[in-house]
C-alpha atoms as a PDB file:
ATOM      1  CA  MET A   1     145.825  74.072 120.410  1.00  0.00           C
ATOM      2  CA  ALA A   2     142.429  73.252 121.910  1.00  0.00           C
ATOM      3  CA  THR A   3     141.226  74.901 125.080  1.00  0.00           C
ATOM      4  CA  TRP A   4     140.119  72.784 128.013  1.00  0.00           C
ATOM      5  CA  ASN A   5     136.864  73.655 129.735  1.00  0.00           C
ATOM      6  CA  SER A   6     133.948  71.883 131.395  1.00  0.00           C
ATOM      7  CA  ARG A   7     132.896  70.260 128.081  1.00  0.00           C
ATOM      8  CA  GLY A   8     135.926  68.023 128.511  1.00  0.00           C
ATOM      9  CA  LEU A   9     134.264  66.480 131.553  1.00  0.00           C
ATOM     10  CA  ARG A  10     131.437  65.001 129.510  1.00  0.00           C
ATOM     11  CA  GLY A  11     131.405  61.273 130.095  1.00  0.00           C
ATOM     12  CA  SER A  12     133.232  61.518 133.420  1.00  0.00           C
ATOM     13  CA  GLY A  13     130.334  59.688 135.135  1.00  0.00           C
ATOM     14  CA  LEU A  14     130.757  56.770 132.741  1.00  0.00           C
ATOM     15  CA  GLU A  15     134.525  56.894 133.167  1.00  0.00           C
ATOM     16  CA  ASP A  16     134.123  56.691 136.942  1.00  0.00           C
ATOM     17  CA  LEU A  17     131.975  53.551 136.537  1.00  0.00           C
ATOM     18  CA  ILE A  18     134.545  52.036 134.182  1.00  0.00           C
ATOM     19  CA  ASN A  19     137.402  52.929 136.542  1.00  0.00           C
ATOM     20  CA  ARG A  20     135.604  51.144 139.376  1.00  0.00           C
ATOM     21  CA  THR A  21     134.941  48.176 137.083  1.00  0.00           C
ATOM     22  CA  ASN A  22     138.623  48.080 136.139  1.00  0.00           C
ATOM     23  CA  GLU A  23     139.566  47.953 139.831  1.00  0.00           C
ATOM     24  CA  THR A  24     137.200  45.017 140.347  1.00  0.00           C
ATOM     25  CA  TYR A  25     138.609  43.211 137.327  1.00  0.00           C
ATOM     26  CA  ALA A  26     142.221  43.867 138.429  1.00  0.00           C
ATOM     27  CA  ASN A  27     141.497  42.713 142.004  1.00  0.00           C
ATOM     28  CA  ASN A  28     140.193  39.439 140.527  1.00  0.00           C
ATOM     29  CA  ASN A  29     143.211  39.100 138.193  1.00  0.00           C
ATOM     30  CA  LEU A  30     140.978  39.198 135.120  1.00  0.00           C
ATOM     31  CA  CYS A  31     142.703  42.078 133.337  1.00  0.00           C
ATOM     32  CA  LEU A  32     144.838  45.161 133.753  1.00  0.00           C
ATOM     33  CA  ILE A  33     143.346  48.246 132.128  1.00  0.00           C
ATOM     34  CA  GLN A  34     144.663  51.764 132.694  1.00  0.00           C
ATOM     35  CA  LYS A  35     142.929  55.103 132.167  1.00  0.00           C
ATOM     36  CA  ILE A  36     145.043  57.232 129.836  1.00  0.00           C
ATOM     37  CA  PRO A  37     145.089  60.847 131.063  1.00  0.00           C
ATOM     38  CA  THR A  38     144.695  63.582 128.480  1.00  0.00           C
ATOM     39  CA  PRO A  39     147.903  65.637 128.543  1.00  0.00           C
ATOM     40  CA  ILE A  40     147.164  69.293 129.336  1.00  0.00           C
ATOM     41  CA  THR A  41     149.143  72.429 130.065  1.00  0.00           C
ATOM     42  CA  PRO A  42     147.511  74.521 132.831  1.00  0.00           C
ATOM     43  CA  VAL A  43     147.190  78.248 132.080  1.00  0.00           C
ATOM     44  CA  GLU A  44     145.039  79.435 134.988  1.00  0.00           C
ATOM     45  CA  ILE A  45     144.740  77.823 138.402  1.00  0.00           C
ATOM     46  CA  ASN A  46     142.400  78.859 141.203  1.00  0.00           C
ATOM     47  CA  HIS A  47     144.910  78.700 144.045  1.00  0.00           C
ATOM     48  CA  SER A  48     142.288  78.687 146.792  1.00  0.00           C
ATOM     49  CA  THR A  49     140.590  75.548 145.395  1.00  0.00           C
ATOM     50  CA  ARG A  50     143.683  74.169 143.613  1.00  0.00           C
ATOM     51  CA  GLN A  51     141.578  73.613 140.494  1.00  0.00           C
ATOM     52  CA  ILE A  52     142.670  74.213 136.924  1.00  0.00           C
ATOM     53  CA  THR A  53     140.285  76.745 135.394  1.00  0.00           C
ATOM     54  CA  LEU A  54     141.927  77.100 131.961  1.00  0.00           C
ATOM     55  CA  ALA A  55     144.314  74.781 130.132  1.00  0.00           C
ATOM     56  CA  TYR A  56     145.418  73.725 126.666  1.00  0.00           C
ATOM     57  CA  PHE A  57     145.594  70.193 125.353  1.00  0.00           C
ATOM     58  CA  GLU A  58     149.270  69.428 124.709  1.00  0.00           C
ATOM     59  CA  LYS A  59     148.500  66.928 121.950  1.00  0.00           C
ATOM     60  CA  LYS A  60     145.694  64.761 120.688  1.00  0.00           C
ATOM     61  CA  SER A  61     145.012  61.831 122.951  1.00  0.00           C
ATOM     62  CA  THR A  62     144.423  58.369 121.592  1.00  0.00           C
ATOM     63  CA  VAL A  63     141.741  56.486 123.537  1.00  0.00           C
ATOM     64  CA  ASP A  64     140.533  56.568 127.139  1.00  0.00           C
ATOM     65  CA  TYR A  65     141.741  53.097 128.185  1.00  0.00           C
ATOM     66  CA  ILE A  66     144.477  50.662 127.260  1.00  0.00           C
ATOM     67  CA  GLY A  67     145.709  47.416 128.744  1.00  0.00           C
ATOM     68  CA  ALA A  68     145.534  43.641 128.494  1.00  0.00           C
ATOM     69  CA  VAL A  69     142.854  41.037 129.097  1.00  0.00           C
ATOM     70  CA  GLN A  70     144.299  37.564 129.689  1.00  0.00           C
ATOM     71  CA  GLY A  71     147.229  38.409 127.401  1.00  0.00           C
ATOM     72  CA  ILE A  72     145.160  40.132 124.704  1.00  0.00           C
ATOM     73  CA  PRO A  73     145.944  43.829 124.083  1.00  0.00           C
ATOM     74  CA  VAL A  74     142.822  45.979 124.482  1.00  0.00           C
ATOM     75  CA  CYS A  75     142.065  49.654 123.903  1.00  0.00           C
ATOM     76  CA  PHE A  76     138.749  51.458 124.111  1.00  0.00           C
ATOM     77  CA  ASP A  77     137.061  54.783 124.481  1.00  0.00           C
ATOM     78  CA  ALA A  78     134.050  55.631 126.649  1.00  0.00           C
ATOM     79  CA  LYS A  79     131.226  57.720 125.180  1.00  0.00           C
ATOM     80  CA  GLU A  80     127.789  58.847 126.331  1.00  0.00           C
ATOM     81  CA  SER A  81     124.691  59.772 124.400  1.00  0.00           C
ATOM     82  CA  LYS A  82     121.618  61.387 125.946  1.00  0.00           C
ATOM     83  CA  THR A  83     119.473  60.504 122.938  1.00  0.00           C
ATOM     84  CA  ASP A  84     118.935  57.516 120.675  1.00  0.00           C
ATOM     85  CA  THR A  85     121.364  59.016 118.164  1.00  0.00           C
ATOM     86  CA  PHE A  86     125.130  58.859 118.610  1.00  0.00           C
ATOM     87  CA  PRO A  87     126.926  61.644 116.693  1.00  0.00           C
ATOM     88  CA  LEU A  88     130.127  60.484 115.020  1.00  0.00           C
ATOM     89  CA  GLN A  89     131.625  63.890 115.778  1.00  0.00           C
ATOM     90  CA  ASN A  90     132.094  62.491 119.319  1.00  0.00           C
ATOM     91  CA  VAL A  91     134.806  60.239 117.879  1.00  0.00           C
ATOM     92  CA  HIS A  92     137.865  61.882 116.365  1.00  0.00           C
ATOM     93  CA  GLU A  93     139.708  60.827 113.241  1.00  0.00           C
ATOM     94  CA  HIS A  94     142.976  60.261 115.114  1.00  0.00           C
ATOM     95  CA  GLN A  95     141.136  57.915 117.503  1.00  0.00           C
ATOM     96  CA  VAL A  96     139.697  55.863 114.645  1.00  0.00           C
ATOM     97  CA  ARG A  97     143.147  55.693 113.065  1.00  0.00           C
ATOM     98  CA  PHE A  98     144.748  54.604 116.375  1.00  0.00           C
ATOM     99  CA  MET A  99     142.088  51.942 116.924  1.00  0.00           C
ATOM    100  CA  GLY A 100     142.610  50.609 113.396  1.00  0.00           C
ATOM    101  CA  ASP A 101     146.380  50.451 113.902  1.00  0.00           C
ATOM    102  CA  PHE A 102     145.805  48.727 117.256  1.00  0.00           C
ATOM    103  CA  GLU A 103     143.669  46.046 115.616  1.00  0.00           C
ATOM    104  CA  LYS A 104     146.353  45.528 112.931  1.00  0.00           C
ATOM    105  CA  GLN A 105     148.686  44.593 115.810  1.00  0.00           C
ATOM    106  CA  GLN A 106     146.263  41.824 116.883  1.00  0.00           C
ATOM    107  CA  GLY A 107     144.677  43.951 119.609  1.00  0.00           C
ATOM    108  CA  ILE A 108     140.994  44.525 120.274  1.00  0.00           C
ATOM    109  CA  ALA A 109     139.664  48.074 119.933  1.00  0.00           C
ATOM    110  CA  PHE A 110     136.121  49.166 120.741  1.00  0.00           C
ATOM    111  CA  LEU A 111     133.842  51.865 122.110  1.00  0.00           C
ATOM    112  CA  ILE A 112     131.619  51.604 125.147  1.00  0.00           C
ATOM    113  CA  ILE A 113     128.622  53.854 124.594  1.00  0.00           C
ATOM    114  CA  LEU A 114     126.206  54.573 127.420  1.00  0.00           C
ATOM    115  CA  PHE A 115     122.752  55.572 126.205  1.00  0.00           C
ATOM    116  CA  THR A 116     121.844  57.510 129.325  1.00  0.00           C
ATOM    117  CA  GLU A 117     118.097  57.881 128.731  1.00  0.00           C
ATOM    118  CA  ARG A 118     117.752  54.118 128.356  1.00  0.00           C
ATOM    119  CA  ASN A 119     120.448  53.313 130.939  1.00  0.00           C
ATOM    120  CA  ILE A 120     121.952  50.699 128.643  1.00  0.00           C
ATOM    121  CA  TYR A 121     125.500  50.185 127.389  1.00  0.00           C
ATOM    122  CA  TYR A 122     126.610  49.297 123.904  1.00  0.00           C
ATOM    123  CA  TYR A 123     129.867  47.598 122.926  1.00  0.00           C
ATOM    124  CA  MET A 124     130.820  48.851 119.465  1.00  0.00           C
ATOM    125  CA  THR A 125     133.522  46.842 117.766  1.00  0.00           C
ATOM    126  CA  TYR A 126     136.131  48.700 115.756  1.00  0.00           C
ATOM    127  CA  ASN A 127     134.789  47.114 112.548  1.00  0.00           C
ATOM    128  CA  GLU A 128     131.293  48.376 113.271  1.00  0.00           C
ATOM    129  CA  LEU A 129     132.610  51.857 114.085  1.00  0.00           C
ATOM    130  CA  ARG A 130     134.616  51.794 110.859  1.00  0.00           C
ATOM    131  CA  LYS A 131     131.474  50.927 108.856  1.00  0.00           C
ATOM    132  CA  TYR A 132     129.624  53.973 110.206  1.00  0.00           C
ATOM    133  CA  TRP A 133     132.731  56.166 109.925  1.00  0.00           C
ATOM    134  CA  ASP A 134     133.190  55.248 106.252  1.00  0.00           C
ATOM    135  CA  ARG A 135     129.496  55.862 105.582  1.00  0.00           C
ATOM    136  CA  ALA A 136     129.839  59.406 106.971  1.00  0.00           C
ATOM    137  CA  GLU A 137     133.090  60.007 105.058  1.00  0.00           C
ATOM    138  CA  ASN A 138     131.293  59.022 101.840  1.00  0.00           C
ATOM    139  CA  GLY A 139     128.545  61.605 102.338  1.00  0.00           C
ATOM    140  CA  GLY A 140     126.133  59.467 104.335  1.00  0.00           C
ATOM    141  CA  ARG A 141     124.605  59.910 107.750  1.00  0.00           C
ATOM    142  CA  LYS A 142     126.998  61.432 110.313  1.00  0.00           C
ATOM    143  CA  SER A 143     125.377  59.766 113.286  1.00  0.00           C
ATOM    144  CA  ILE A 144     124.336  56.308 114.351  1.00  0.00           C
ATOM    145  CA  ARG A 145     120.730  55.542 115.232  1.00  0.00           C
ATOM    146  CA  PHE A 146     120.023  53.277 118.203  1.00  0.00           C
ATOM    147  CA  ASP A 147     117.906  50.986 116.024  1.00  0.00           C
ATOM    148  CA  GLU A 148     120.865  50.420 113.639  1.00  0.00           C
ATOM    149  CA  LEU A 149     122.941  48.782 116.358  1.00  0.00           C
ATOM    150  CA  ASP A 150     123.474  45.033 116.698  1.00  0.00           C
ATOM    151  CA  SER A 151     121.224  43.911 119.570  1.00  0.00           C
ATOM    152  CA  LYS A 152     123.672  41.257 120.803  1.00  0.00           C
ATOM    153  CA  TYR A 153     126.144  43.967 121.870  1.00  0.00           C
ATOM    154  CA  PHE A 154     123.820  45.766 124.289  1.00  0.00           C
ATOM    155  CA  PHE A 155     124.522  45.078 127.945  1.00  0.00           C
ATOM    156  CA  GLU A 156     123.560  46.279 131.418  1.00  0.00           C
ATOM    157  CA  SER A 157     125.240  46.674 134.774  1.00  0.00           C
ATOM    158  CA  LYS A 158     125.499  43.704 137.088  1.00  0.00           C
ATOM    159  CA  PRO A 159     125.491  43.892 140.887  1.00  0.00           C
ATOM    160  CA  GLU A 160     129.104  42.736 141.123  1.00  0.00           C
ATOM    161  CA  VAL A 161     130.431  44.608 138.028  1.00  0.00           C
ATOM    162  CA  LEU A 162     129.196  48.076 137.063  1.00  0.00           C
ATOM    163  CA  VAL A 163     130.215  47.970 133.370  1.00  0.00           C
ATOM    164  CA  PRO A 164     130.755  44.273 132.545  1.00  0.00           C
ATOM    165  CA  TYR A 165     132.588  44.753 129.273  1.00  0.00           C
ATOM    166  CA  LEU A 166     134.643  41.530 129.553  1.00  0.00           C
ATOM    167  CA  ASP A 167     131.526  39.589 128.565  1.00  0.00           C
ATOM    168  CA  MET A 168     131.340  41.708 125.408  1.00  0.00           C
ATOM    169  CA  ILE A 169     135.026  41.192 124.598  1.00  0.00           C
ATOM    170  CA  GLN A 170     134.400  37.433 124.770  1.00  0.00           C
ATOM    171  CA  LEU A 171     131.394  37.815 122.446  1.00  0.00           C
ATOM    172  CA  ASP A 172     133.514  39.942 120.093  1.00  0.00           C
ATOM    173  CA  LEU A 173     136.261  37.283 120.052  1.00  0.00           C
ATOM    174  CA  ASN A 174     133.702  34.545 119.397  1.00  0.00           C
ATOM    175  CA  ASN A 175     132.321  36.472 116.406  1.00  0.00           C
ATOM    176  CA  ARG A 176     135.675  37.159 114.717  1.00  0.00           C
ATOM    177  CA  PRO A 177     136.656  35.103 111.672  1.00  0.00           C
END
């Protein structure tokens, strides 16, 4: 069993932006995406602040978000990187497996990576993730360099939508065989 601590809050800034984006999308009837909470068992609670100070993960979670976009099943995970290198250790084997199974069911699975120093987002398709994952599994590099990424999948915030990932889903669909 893994212990929960403040490291589990990494990426919560990005998740907040995505949650707000999801509300905007839902209010405009564009999609319905839900944040999947990580199941935990509290062990210690600070009763004066009502905050959990120690907990255990009940089981491995799948991805951060799941839902449907205009009838298409979608799942994705949100990740952040402070540098121009994204460590694959930030993605877990059970997540890659879930995303692969999701795609086999005609869904779309992807990562949204925020490169915080550059303040730019990247939409990583499952197939691209799988390419880097397999490379690492076969003894290759265990991280992804910024300059390896496909430039067409970089995107930025828009005034009306904080993390406009629907544009990237459309691009992904257009580039599928």
